[in-house]
Amino acid sequence: MKQQLLKLLAVASAVCITAGSMIFREQQPWERASAKTLAEIEAEKKEKQEQIDAKRAEIEQLSKDITKETQYQTALQEEIDLINGKMLLIDSQLQSLDNEIAEKNSEILTLQDDIAKQQVKVEEGLANFKARIRTLYVYGNDSILSALVGATDFYDVLAKIDLINRIAKHDDKMMNDLTEELRQLNADQQDLTAKLQALSIKQTEMEGLQKEFSDSRNELDAAYAASGTARALLEDSHEKATGQLEGIEQELEALEAEEEEMILEAARKAAEEEEARRKAAEEEAARRAYEEASRAASIEAARTTTTTTTTTTTTTTTTAATTVGTAKTTATTPAVTTASTRMSTVTTMATTKTTTTTTATTAAPPKSGKLAWPAPGFYHVSSPFGYRWGRIHRGIDIAGAGIHYANACSAAAGTVIKVKGGCVHDYGVACSCNGGYGNYVQIDHGNGLCTLYAHLASISVSSGQKVSAGTVVGKIGATGNVVSSGGGGYHLHFSVIVNGTFVDPMPYLN
């Protein structure tokens, strides 16, 4: 009966433990925790980053266009100022021409008045001359004869003849002088008229040039106004694009925060499931130990029953009962012992594994992958990828003496897609800055491959920057939630992300 009871208890325990263990899947919980959603978020992040790159390119082109439009406006204004200067000069010249033309017109009017007066004198002289001619014609030489007859002596005759000749000569000279003066006045008038015509021609030319400059200035003013309108439109587009860029960047930050929250939640669930799996394993070990003890007790009881006499049956039964009780005690003890031994063994194996990894990575970085070692000169991996302290460690920690302020370098060519700074707690104590990563940089290498460099003392790159393999992204420090490791807590946390999932970086490193 006791043997059957022990068997029933063992079977019941096995069923319960098996049923409990079936709750947990063998797949890594952090891999199945919303894997599709994480991939979708990563795709959205990539799309947002592409939108950010396109918007930045648009903003840069708009800035260039605004600069060109400003330079064009400056050139137009210089031309307008030059034309305004020329027009001022032309206005001054036209004013001088107007003054000269007015002066010449005044001189012409004066000459015309003088000519009119001279013309009157000439006409009067001609009238007198004509009267004397007519008188001579009418009287012929009687005047001379009368002068001779009326003369008292010969000298008187000569005097009268001389007087007559003098009068004739005076008339001739007077007419010649009047005629010459009239001719000179007419010549002066012609000269003034020619000068006036020349001034008028020059005035017409200057007025034409003034109109030409005025038309050019109007065209430049129109071009300047159009350029101002175009510049205002460009500035408005630049402002809108800048606002859109800020909106997209905020959306990207929200996606990153959502991704971080999902990953942290997945890690928490993974830790819980790992703890449940550990307890289930301990229970399974206890069950097996109990079954072994029960079998041993049954075999011992059967052997004792077949080899003893009837006289010792009571004694044997008592012994068997005692043995069963001892077996129960023994069954309980090995369970604890086995669990302790298992934990010790796991710890020893983990320590051995870590020691082995440390020994392998201290000498030189692995040569199996395509990524360059992110901390040149420091190859000690103080904490590998995997579970630790109830949660997953999503990368490797590279430490070593003298690593503080050493260079953290890009593992491959790519584009910086995330830069998180602002953490000033670079002294090896835990803080929650930027999700515990402290100052960190994330780089997209294309084809779904990204790398992350955390706990930096300072950052040397900016978001959107193109980098090459070996480009310094920052200085190694101990910002964020840092635990004690080599170098007094100073180390580089390095992660590899493939299609949105954190993977062991070691196979990827060369």
Protein backbone atom coordinates (compact mmCIF):
# COMPACT_ATOMS: atom_id res chain seq x y z
CA MET A 1 0.00 0.00 0.00
CA LYS A 2 2.77 2.36 0.90
CA GLN A 3 4.58 1.61 -2.35
CA GLN A 4 1.42 2.26 -4.34
CA LEU A 5 0.85 5.46 -2.40
CA LEU A 6 4.35 6.59 -3.17
CA LYS A 7 3.85 5.83 -6.85
CA LEU A 8 0.56 7.73 -6.94
CA LEU A 9 2.18 10.73 -5.28
CA ALA A 10 5.03 10.64 -7.75
CA VAL A 11 2.69 10.44 -10.74
CA ALA A 12 0.52 13.27 -9.41
CA SER A 13 3.58 15.44 -8.84
CA ALA A 14 4.85 14.69 -12.33
CA VAL A 15 1.49 15.58 -13.88
CA CYS A 16 1.31 18.89 -11.99
CA ILE A 17 4.88 19.85 -12.80
CA THR A 18 4.50 18.81 -16.45
CA ALA A 19 1.29 20.79 -16.77
CA GLY A 20 3.00 23.82 -15.25
CA SER A 21 6.00 23.53 -17.50
CA MET A 22 3.81 23.26 -20.60
CA ILE A 23 2.62 26.82 -19.99
CA PHE A 24 6.02 28.12 -21.09
CA ARG A 25 7.21 27.96 -24.69
CA GLU A 26 10.76 27.18 -25.61
CA GLN A 27 10.94 30.29 -27.86
CA GLN A 28 12.77 33.23 -26.35
CA PRO A 29 10.10 35.45 -24.83
CA TRP A 30 11.80 38.69 -25.91
CA GLU A 31 11.77 37.41 -29.47
CA ARG A 32 8.05 36.68 -29.52
CA ALA A 33 7.02 39.80 -27.53
CA SER A 34 5.23 41.79 -30.24
CA ALA A 35 7.93 40.91 -32.82
CA LYS A 36 5.68 41.94 -35.68
CA THR A 37 4.79 45.20 -33.96
CA LEU A 38 8.45 45.97 -33.35
CA ALA A 39 9.17 45.31 -37.03
CA GLU A 40 6.33 47.62 -37.99
CA ILE A 41 7.64 50.30 -35.65
CA GLU A 42 11.11 49.91 -37.12
CA ALA A 43 9.63 50.27 -40.62
CA GLU A 44 7.77 53.40 -39.50
CA LYS A 45 10.95 54.76 -37.96
CA LYS A 46 12.81 54.17 -41.20
CA GLU A 47 10.02 55.88 -43.14
CA LYS A 48 10.06 58.84 -40.71
CA GLN A 49 13.85 59.08 -41.02
CA GLU A 50 13.54 59.13 -44.81
CA GLN A 51 10.91 61.87 -44.48
CA ILE A 52 13.25 63.78 -42.16
CA ASP A 53 16.14 63.44 -44.63
CA ALA A 54 13.91 64.59 -47.50
CA LYS A 55 12.56 67.51 -45.48
CA ARG A 56 16.06 68.56 -44.43
CA ALA A 57 17.15 68.47 -48.07
CA GLU A 58 14.09 70.56 -48.97
CA ILE A 59 14.88 73.08 -46.21
CA GLU A 60 18.52 73.26 -47.33
CA GLN A 61 17.44 73.92 -50.94
CA LEU A 62 14.95 76.57 -49.78
CA SER A 63 17.71 78.25 -47.79
CA LYS A 64 19.91 78.29 -50.89
CA ASP A 65 17.05 79.70 -52.98
CA ILE A 66 16.39 82.41 -50.38
CA THR A 67 20.10 83.31 -50.41
CA LYS A 68 20.10 83.50 -54.23
CA GLU A 69 16.94 85.64 -54.22
CA THR A 70 18.48 87.95 -51.63
CA GLN A 71 21.64 88.30 -53.72
CA TYR A 72 19.50 88.96 -56.81
CA GLN A 73 17.58 91.68 -54.93
CA THR A 74 20.87 93.24 -53.83
CA ALA A 75 22.10 93.32 -57.44
CA LEU A 76 18.80 94.84 -58.61
CA GLN A 77 18.99 97.50 -55.92
CA GLU A 78 22.52 98.39 -56.97
CA GLU A 79 21.35 98.81 -60.59
CA ILE A 80 18.37 100.89 -59.45
CA ASP A 81 20.67 103.12 -57.39
CA LEU A 82 23.02 103.51 -60.38
CA ILE A 83 20.16 104.46 -62.72
CA ASN A 84 18.79 106.90 -60.13
CA GLY A 85 22.23 108.54 -60.02
CA LYS A 86 22.33 108.81 -63.82
CA MET A 87 18.83 110.24 -63.89
CA LEU A 88 19.81 112.87 -61.34
CA LEU A 89 22.73 113.83 -63.59
CA ILE A 90 20.44 113.96 -66.62
CA ASP A 91 17.95 116.10 -64.71
CA SER A 92 20.78 118.49 -63.86
CA GLN A 93 21.92 118.61 -67.49
CA LEU A 94 18.36 119.16 -68.71
CA GLN A 95 18.00 122.02 -66.27
CA SER A 96 21.18 123.57 -67.65
CA LEU A 97 19.90 123.09 -71.20
CA ASP A 98 16.62 124.72 -70.31
CA ASN A 99 18.51 127.69 -68.89
CA GLU A 100 20.70 127.96 -72.01
CA ILE A 101 17.71 127.65 -74.31
CA ALA A 102 15.88 130.36 -72.37
CA GLU A 103 18.99 132.56 -72.56
CA LYS A 104 19.35 131.99 -76.31
CA ASN A 105 15.69 132.73 -76.86
CA SER A 106 16.12 135.98 -74.92
CA GLU A 107 19.15 136.88 -77.03
CA ILE A 108 17.24 136.08 -80.20
CA LEU A 109 14.36 138.28 -79.10
CA THR A 110 16.83 141.10 -78.37
CA LEU A 111 18.44 140.65 -81.81
CA GLN A 112 15.09 140.59 -83.48
CA ASP A 113 14.25 143.87 -81.75
CA ASP A 114 17.60 145.35 -82.81
CA ILE A 115 17.08 144.09 -86.36
CA ALA A 116 13.65 145.67 -86.46
CA LYS A 117 15.06 149.01 -85.27
CA GLN A 118 17.97 148.75 -87.73
CA GLN A 119 15.54 147.91 -90.44
CA VAL A 120 13.66 151.10 -89.66
CA LYS A 121 16.88 153.12 -89.86
CA VAL A 122 17.83 151.50 -93.15
CA GLU A 123 14.39 152.17 -94.54
CA GLU A 124 14.52 155.81 -93.38
CA GLY A 125 18.00 156.27 -94.92
CA LEU A 126 16.82 154.66 -98.12
CA ALA A 127 13.80 156.96 -98.17
CA ASN A 128 16.02 160.05 -97.79
CA PHE A 129 18.45 158.72 -100.37
CA LYS A 130 15.61 157.99 -102.73
CA ALA A 131 14.22 161.50 -102.18
CA ARG A 132 17.52 163.11 -103.05
CA ILE A 133 17.94 160.85 -106.06
CA ARG A 134 14.46 161.75 -107.17
CA THR A 135 15.24 165.45 -106.69
CA LEU A 136 18.44 165.17 -108.70
CA TYR A 137 16.56 163.31 -111.35
CA VAL A 138 13.86 165.92 -111.53
CA TYR A 139 16.13 168.93 -111.55
CA GLY A 140 19.09 167.30 -113.23
CA ASN A 141 22.21 169.47 -113.14
CA ASP A 142 20.22 172.63 -112.40
CA SER A 143 21.16 172.35 -108.83
CA ILE A 144 24.82 172.45 -109.73
CA LEU A 145 24.18 175.29 -112.12
CA SER A 146 22.17 177.09 -109.47
CA ALA A 147 25.02 176.63 -107.11
CA LEU A 148 27.42 178.07 -109.69
CA VAL A 149 25.13 180.95 -110.51
CA GLY A 150 24.45 181.78 -106.94
CA ALA A 151 28.15 181.54 -106.03
CA THR A 152 29.93 184.83 -105.34
CA ASP A 153 33.28 183.60 -106.50
CA PHE A 154 35.08 180.55 -107.77
CA TYR A 155 35.93 179.34 -104.31
CA ASP A 156 32.31 179.54 -103.34
CA VAL A 157 31.49 177.38 -106.34
CA LEU A 158 34.08 174.82 -105.31
CA ALA A 159 32.79 174.83 -101.76
CA LYS A 160 29.24 174.20 -102.86
CA ILE A 161 30.32 171.42 -105.23
CA ASP A 162 32.35 169.85 -102.41
CA LEU A 163 29.36 170.10 -100.12
CA ILE A 164 27.20 168.33 -102.66
CA ASN A 165 29.83 165.59 -103.05
CA ARG A 166 30.13 165.23 -99.31
CA ILE A 167 26.39 164.83 -98.99
CA ALA A 168 26.46 162.14 -101.67
CA LYS A 169 29.32 160.30 -99.97
CA HIS A 170 27.59 160.54 -96.58
CA ASP A 171 24.48 159.07 -98.09
CA ASP A 172 26.50 156.24 -99.62
CA LYS A 173 28.37 155.52 -96.36
CA MET A 174 25.21 155.73 -94.31
CA MET A 175 23.48 153.21 -96.56
CA ASN A 176 26.50 150.94 -96.57
CA ASP A 177 26.80 151.09 -92.78
CA LEU A 178 23.10 150.49 -92.30
CA THR A 179 23.18 147.62 -94.72
CA GLU A 180 26.28 146.08 -93.01
CA GLU A 181 24.74 146.39 -89.58
CA LEU A 182 21.56 144.79 -90.86
CA ARG A 183 23.58 141.96 -92.42
CA GLN A 184 25.53 141.42 -89.18
CA LEU A 185 22.35 141.39 -87.15
CA ASN A 186 20.87 138.81 -89.49
CA ALA A 187 24.05 136.72 -89.23
CA ASP A 188 23.94 136.90 -85.44
CA GLN A 189 20.33 135.85 -85.53
CA GLN A 190 21.16 132.90 -87.77
CA ASP A 191 24.00 131.90 -85.42
CA LEU A 192 21.74 132.10 -82.36
CA THR A 193 19.06 130.18 -84.20
CA ALA A 194 21.61 127.46 -85.08
CA LYS A 195 22.77 127.28 -81.45
CA LEU A 196 19.17 127.16 -80.29
CA GLN A 197 18.49 124.30 -82.68
CA ALA A 198 21.59 122.46 -81.40
CA LEU A 199 20.44 122.94 -77.80
CA SER A 200 16.98 121.74 -78.74
CA ILE A 201 18.45 118.64 -80.38
CA LYS A 202 20.58 117.95 -77.28
CA GLN A 203 17.57 118.53 -75.07
CA THR A 204 15.58 116.03 -77.13
CA GLU A 205 18.40 113.49 -76.83
CA MET A 206 18.65 114.00 -73.08
CA GLU A 207 14.90 113.66 -72.69
CA GLY A 208 15.04 110.42 -74.70
CA LEU A 209 17.87 109.13 -72.50
CA GLN A 210 15.90 110.16 -69.43
CA LYS A 211 12.89 108.22 -70.68
CA GLU A 212 15.09 105.20 -71.41
CA PHE A 213 16.53 105.27 -67.89
CA SER A 214 13.06 105.79 -66.46
CA ASP A 215 11.78 102.73 -68.35
CA SER A 216 14.77 100.68 -67.14
CA ARG A 217 14.18 101.78 -63.55
CA ASN A 218 10.51 100.83 -63.84
CA GLU A 219 11.50 97.39 -65.11
CA LEU A 220 14.02 96.99 -62.28
CA ASP A 221 11.44 98.12 -59.74
CA ALA A 222 9.02 95.52 -61.10
CA ALA A 223 11.73 92.83 -60.99
CA TYR A 224 12.64 93.83 -57.44
CA ALA A 225 9.01 93.64 -56.36
CA ALA A 226 8.62 90.20 -58.03
CA SER A 227 11.82 89.01 -56.35
CA GLY A 228 10.54 90.25 -53.00
CA THR A 229 7.32 88.29 -53.52
CA ALA A 230 9.27 85.17 -54.50
CA ARG A 231 11.53 85.55 -51.47
CA ALA A 232 8.52 85.93 -49.17
CA LEU A 233 7.03 82.74 -50.63
CA LEU A 234 10.34 80.92 -50.15
CA GLU A 235 10.60 82.11 -46.55
CA ASP A 236 7.02 81.00 -45.91
CA SER A 237 7.78 77.58 -47.44
CA HIS A 238 10.97 77.39 -45.36
CA GLU A 239 9.03 78.15 -42.18
CA LYS A 240 6.36 75.56 -43.02
CA ALA A 241 8.98 72.92 -43.90
CA THR A 242 10.79 73.62 -40.62
CA GLY A 243 7.53 73.14 -38.71
CA GLN A 244 6.83 69.92 -40.61
CA LEU A 245 10.34 68.69 -39.85
CA GLU A 246 9.83 69.33 -36.14
CA GLY A 247 6.54 67.43 -36.30
CA ILE A 248 8.14 64.43 -38.03
CA GLU A 249 11.03 64.43 -35.55
CA GLN A 250 8.53 64.43 -32.69
CA GLU A 251 6.70 61.52 -34.31
CA LEU A 252 10.02 59.68 -34.65
CA GLU A 253 10.83 60.33 -30.99
CA ALA A 254 7.39 59.02 -30.04
CA LEU A 255 8.03 55.85 -32.06
CA GLU A 256 11.41 55.43 -30.39
CA ALA A 257 9.85 55.88 -26.97
CA GLU A 258 7.15 53.34 -27.86
CA GLU A 259 9.82 50.93 -29.08
CA GLU A 260 11.83 51.37 -25.89
CA GLU A 261 8.73 50.77 -23.78
CA MET A 262 7.85 47.62 -25.71
CA ILE A 263 11.38 46.28 -25.43
CA LEU A 264 11.49 47.01 -21.71
CA GLU A 265 8.10 45.31 -21.26
CA ALA A 266 9.31 42.32 -23.26
CA ALA A 267 12.42 42.12 -21.12
CA ARG A 268 10.30 42.28 -17.95
CA LYS A 269 8.04 39.48 -19.18
CA ALA A 270 11.08 37.48 -20.22
CA ALA A 271 12.50 37.82 -16.74
CA GLU A 272 9.22 36.69 -15.20
CA GLU A 273 8.97 33.70 -17.52
CA GLU A 274 12.60 32.82 -16.89
CA GLU A 275 11.92 32.86 -13.15
CA ALA A 276 8.87 30.65 -13.63
CA ARG A 277 10.88 28.31 -15.84
CA ARG A 278 13.58 28.13 -13.19
CA LYS A 279 11.04 27.23 -10.50
CA ALA A 280 9.50 24.63 -12.77
CA ALA A 281 12.94 23.13 -13.35
CA GLU A 282 13.57 22.98 -9.61
CA GLU A 283 10.23 21.31 -9.06
CA GLU A 284 11.00 18.82 -11.81
CA ALA A 285 14.35 18.06 -10.17
CA ALA A 286 12.61 17.56 -6.82
CA ARG A 287 10.04 15.27 -8.40
CA ARG A 288 12.71 13.13 -10.00
CA ALA A 289 14.65 12.95 -6.77
CA TYR A 290 11.48 11.92 -4.96
CA GLU A 291 10.79 9.19 -7.52
CA GLU A 292 14.33 7.87 -7.21
CA ALA A 293 13.98 7.72 -3.45
CA SER A 294 10.60 6.00 -3.76
CA ARG A 295 12.01 3.38 -6.13
CA ALA A 296 14.93 2.76 -3.87
CA ALA A 297 12.61 2.31 -0.92
CA SER A 298 10.39 -0.09 -2.86
CA ILE A 299 13.32 -2.24 -3.99
CA GLU A 300 14.73 -2.33 -0.52
CA ALA A 301 11.37 -3.33 0.94
CA ALA A 302 10.84 -6.11 -1.60
CA ARG A 303 14.33 -7.51 -1.05
CA THR A 304 13.91 -7.51 2.73
CA THR A 305 10.51 -9.24 2.52
CA THR A 306 11.80 -12.16 0.43
CA THR A 307 14.92 -12.87 2.52
CA THR A 308 13.55 -12.68 6.09
CA THR A 309 11.55 -15.30 8.07
CA THR A 310 8.06 -15.02 9.35
CA THR A 311 9.41 -14.49 12.82
CA THR A 312 11.14 -11.28 11.75
CA THR A 313 8.28 -10.04 9.64
CA THR A 314 7.16 -7.54 12.21
CA THR A 315 10.68 -6.35 12.65
CA THR A 316 11.20 -6.15 8.90
CA THR A 317 7.96 -4.29 8.41
CA THR A 318 9.01 -1.88 11.05
CA THR A 319 12.34 -1.55 9.31
CA ALA A 320 10.62 -1.01 5.99
CA ALA A 321 8.39 1.62 7.47
CA THR A 322 11.38 3.25 8.97
CA THR A 323 13.12 3.02 5.63
CA VAL A 324 10.11 4.59 3.90
CA GLY A 325 10.12 7.39 6.41
CA THR A 326 13.79 7.81 5.87
CA ALA A 327 13.17 7.75 2.14
CA LYS A 328 10.65 10.51 2.49
CA THR A 329 13.14 12.51 4.41
CA THR A 330 15.79 11.64 1.88
CA ALA A 331 13.43 12.58 -0.95
CA THR A 332 12.90 15.97 0.51
CA THR A 333 16.53 16.60 1.23
CA PRO A 334 17.83 15.79 -2.27
CA ALA A 335 15.25 18.19 -3.70
CA VAL A 336 16.77 21.10 -1.85
CA THR A 337 20.25 19.77 -2.33
CA THR A 338 19.65 19.25 -6.04
CA ALA A 339 18.18 22.74 -6.45
CA SER A 340 21.10 24.26 -4.59
CA THR A 341 23.53 22.13 -6.55
CA ARG A 342 21.81 23.18 -9.79
CA MET A 343 22.00 26.87 -8.95
CA SER A 344 25.62 26.43 -7.96
CA THR A 345 26.31 24.52 -11.16
CA VAL A 346 24.52 27.16 -13.29
CA THR A 347 26.44 29.90 -11.51
CA THR A 348 29.67 27.99 -12.00
CA MET A 349 28.86 27.42 -15.68
CA ALA A 350 27.95 31.09 -16.16
CA THR A 351 31.16 32.09 -14.41
CA THR A 352 33.12 29.62 -16.48
CA LYS A 353 31.40 30.87 -19.64
CA THR A 354 32.08 34.47 -18.75
CA THR A 355 35.66 33.67 -17.85
CA THR A 356 36.08 31.79 -21.11
CA THR A 357 34.57 34.65 -23.08
CA THR A 358 36.68 37.15 -21.22
CA THR A 359 39.81 35.19 -21.87
CA ALA A 360 38.95 34.90 -25.55
CA THR A 361 38.05 38.55 -26.01
CA THR A 362 40.82 40.06 -23.93
CA ALA A 363 43.51 38.85 -26.32
CA ALA A 364 41.88 40.05 -29.58
CA PRO A 365 38.42 40.68 -31.05
CA PRO A 366 36.70 37.83 -32.90
CA LYS A 367 37.22 37.58 -36.64
CA SER A 368 33.90 36.13 -37.77
CA GLY A 369 31.74 39.15 -38.73
CA LYS A 370 31.71 42.22 -40.96
CA LEU A 371 31.57 44.87 -38.21
CA ALA A 372 34.72 46.53 -36.91
CA TRP A 373 35.50 46.41 -33.18
CA PRO A 374 33.85 49.51 -31.67
CA ALA A 375 36.45 50.17 -28.95
CA PRO A 376 39.91 49.90 -30.56
CA GLY A 377 42.56 48.76 -28.09
CA PHE A 378 40.06 47.43 -25.53
CA TYR A 379 38.83 43.86 -26.05
CA HIS A 380 37.72 42.75 -22.58
CA VAL A 381 34.00 41.84 -22.62
CA SER A 382 32.90 42.34 -19.03
CA SER A 383 29.29 41.30 -19.67
CA PRO A 384 28.13 39.26 -22.69
CA PHE A 385 24.78 39.28 -24.46
CA GLY A 386 21.94 37.40 -22.71
CA TYR A 387 19.99 37.24 -19.45
CA ARG A 388 21.37 38.71 -16.27
CA TRP A 389 19.78 39.88 -13.02
CA GLY A 390 16.30 38.83 -14.10
CA ARG A 391 16.30 40.64 -17.46
CA ILE A 392 17.95 40.47 -20.84
CA HIS A 393 21.21 42.31 -21.47
CA ARG A 394 20.76 43.49 -25.07
CA GLY A 395 24.40 43.89 -26.01
CA ILE A 396 27.96 43.43 -24.78
CA ASP A 397 29.92 45.60 -22.34
CA ILE A 398 33.51 46.38 -23.36
CA ALA A 399 35.69 47.51 -20.46
CA GLY A 400 39.29 47.72 -19.34
CA ALA A 401 41.76 49.84 -17.47
CA GLY A 402 42.18 53.27 -19.06
CA ILE A 403 39.02 53.00 -21.20
CA HIS A 404 37.52 56.19 -19.73
CA TYR A 405 37.45 58.86 -22.49
CA ALA A 406 38.76 56.34 -25.03
CA ASN A 407 37.25 56.54 -28.53
CA ALA A 408 33.99 54.76 -29.37
CA CYS A 409 34.09 54.18 -33.13
CA SER A 410 31.47 53.33 -35.75
CA ALA A 411 31.56 49.62 -36.56
CA ALA A 412 30.69 50.24 -40.23
CA ALA A 413 29.69 52.97 -42.66
CA GLY A 414 26.18 54.33 -42.23
CA THR A 415 23.95 57.20 -41.17
CA VAL A 416 23.47 58.46 -37.62
CA ILE A 417 19.72 58.11 -36.95
CA LYS A 418 19.57 58.81 -33.23
CA VAL A 419 21.60 60.96 -30.84
CA LYS A 420 20.58 61.15 -27.18
CA GLY A 421 22.65 63.37 -24.91
CA GLY A 422 22.17 65.53 -21.86
CA CYS A 423 23.28 63.00 -19.24
CA VAL A 424 25.94 64.45 -16.93
CA HIS A 425 26.16 61.51 -14.48
CA ASP A 426 29.50 60.21 -15.71
CA TYR A 427 30.67 58.74 -12.42
CA GLY A 428 29.61 55.09 -12.45
CA VAL A 429 26.31 55.26 -10.58
CA ALA A 430 22.88 54.30 -11.86
CA CYS A 431 20.58 56.95 -13.37
CA SER A 432 17.57 56.71 -15.68
CA CYS A 433 18.76 59.23 -18.27
CA ASN A 434 17.61 58.25 -21.80
CA GLY A 435 16.14 54.96 -20.61
CA GLY A 436 19.28 54.09 -18.63
CA TYR A 437 21.55 54.28 -21.68
CA GLY A 438 22.86 57.70 -20.69
CA ASN A 439 24.42 59.44 -23.69
CA TYR A 440 24.14 57.15 -26.71
CA VAL A 441 24.28 57.05 -30.51
CA GLN A 442 22.46 54.77 -32.97
CA ILE A 443 23.69 54.22 -36.54
CA ASP A 444 21.80 52.69 -39.48
CA HIS A 445 24.08 50.63 -41.76
CA GLY A 446 21.35 49.65 -44.24
CA ASN A 447 19.66 46.32 -44.98
CA GLY A 448 18.00 46.35 -41.56
CA LEU A 449 21.29 46.44 -39.62
CA CYS A 450 21.81 49.03 -36.87
CA THR A 451 24.36 49.48 -34.06
CA LEU A 452 24.07 51.30 -30.73
CA TYR A 453 26.83 52.84 -28.56
CA ALA A 454 25.75 53.68 -24.99
CA HIS A 455 27.07 55.16 -21.69
CA LEU A 456 29.18 57.73 -23.59
CA ALA A 457 30.89 60.55 -21.71
CA SER A 458 30.44 62.80 -24.75
CA ILE A 459 29.07 62.59 -28.29
CA SER A 460 31.02 63.59 -31.43
CA VAL A 461 28.37 63.15 -34.19
CA SER A 462 24.95 64.55 -35.00
CA SER A 463 21.72 63.04 -36.27
CA GLY A 464 21.66 62.61 -40.05
CA GLN A 465 25.47 62.62 -40.33
CA LYS A 466 27.12 60.13 -42.69
CA VAL A 467 29.93 58.17 -41.03
CA SER A 468 32.53 55.63 -42.13
CA ALA A 469 33.86 52.59 -40.36
CA GLY A 470 36.15 53.84 -37.61
CA THR A 471 34.57 57.31 -37.32
CA VAL A 472 34.70 58.45 -33.69
CA VAL A 473 31.10 58.75 -32.44
CA GLY A 474 31.99 59.74 -28.88
CA LYS A 475 34.12 59.20 -25.77
CA ILE A 476 33.56 56.14 -23.58
CA GLY A 477 32.21 56.91 -20.10
CA ALA A 478 29.75 55.70 -17.48
CA THR A 479 26.58 57.74 -18.03
CA GLY A 480 23.12 56.24 -17.48
CA ASN A 481 22.28 53.08 -15.51
CA VAL A 482 25.82 51.70 -15.21
CA VAL A 483 26.76 48.76 -12.97
CA SER A 484 30.25 48.03 -11.71
CA SER A 485 32.47 46.53 -14.39
CA GLY A 486 36.05 46.82 -15.51
CA GLY A 487 37.61 50.27 -15.19
CA GLY A 488 35.58 51.41 -12.20
CA GLY A 489 32.27 51.20 -14.11
CA TYR A 490 33.49 52.93 -17.26
CA HIS A 491 32.66 50.82 -20.30
CA LEU A 492 31.05 50.87 -23.74
CA HIS A 493 27.68 49.15 -24.14
CA PHE A 494 27.53 47.95 -27.77
CA SER A 495 24.34 46.54 -29.34
CA VAL A 496 23.53 45.09 -32.75
CA ILE A 497 19.94 45.41 -34.00
CA VAL A 498 18.75 43.35 -36.99
CA ASN A 499 15.34 44.26 -38.41
CA GLY A 500 14.33 45.80 -35.09
CA THR A 501 15.51 42.87 -32.92
CA PHE A 502 18.51 42.98 -30.58
CA VAL A 503 20.91 40.10 -31.31
CA ASP A 504 24.25 38.88 -29.96
CA PRO A 505 26.88 41.25 -31.42
CA MET A 506 29.76 38.76 -31.21
CA PRO A 507 29.02 36.85 -34.47
CA TYR A 508 28.83 40.18 -36.30
CA LEU A 509 32.11 41.59 -35.06
CA ASN A 510 35.35 41.23 -36.95
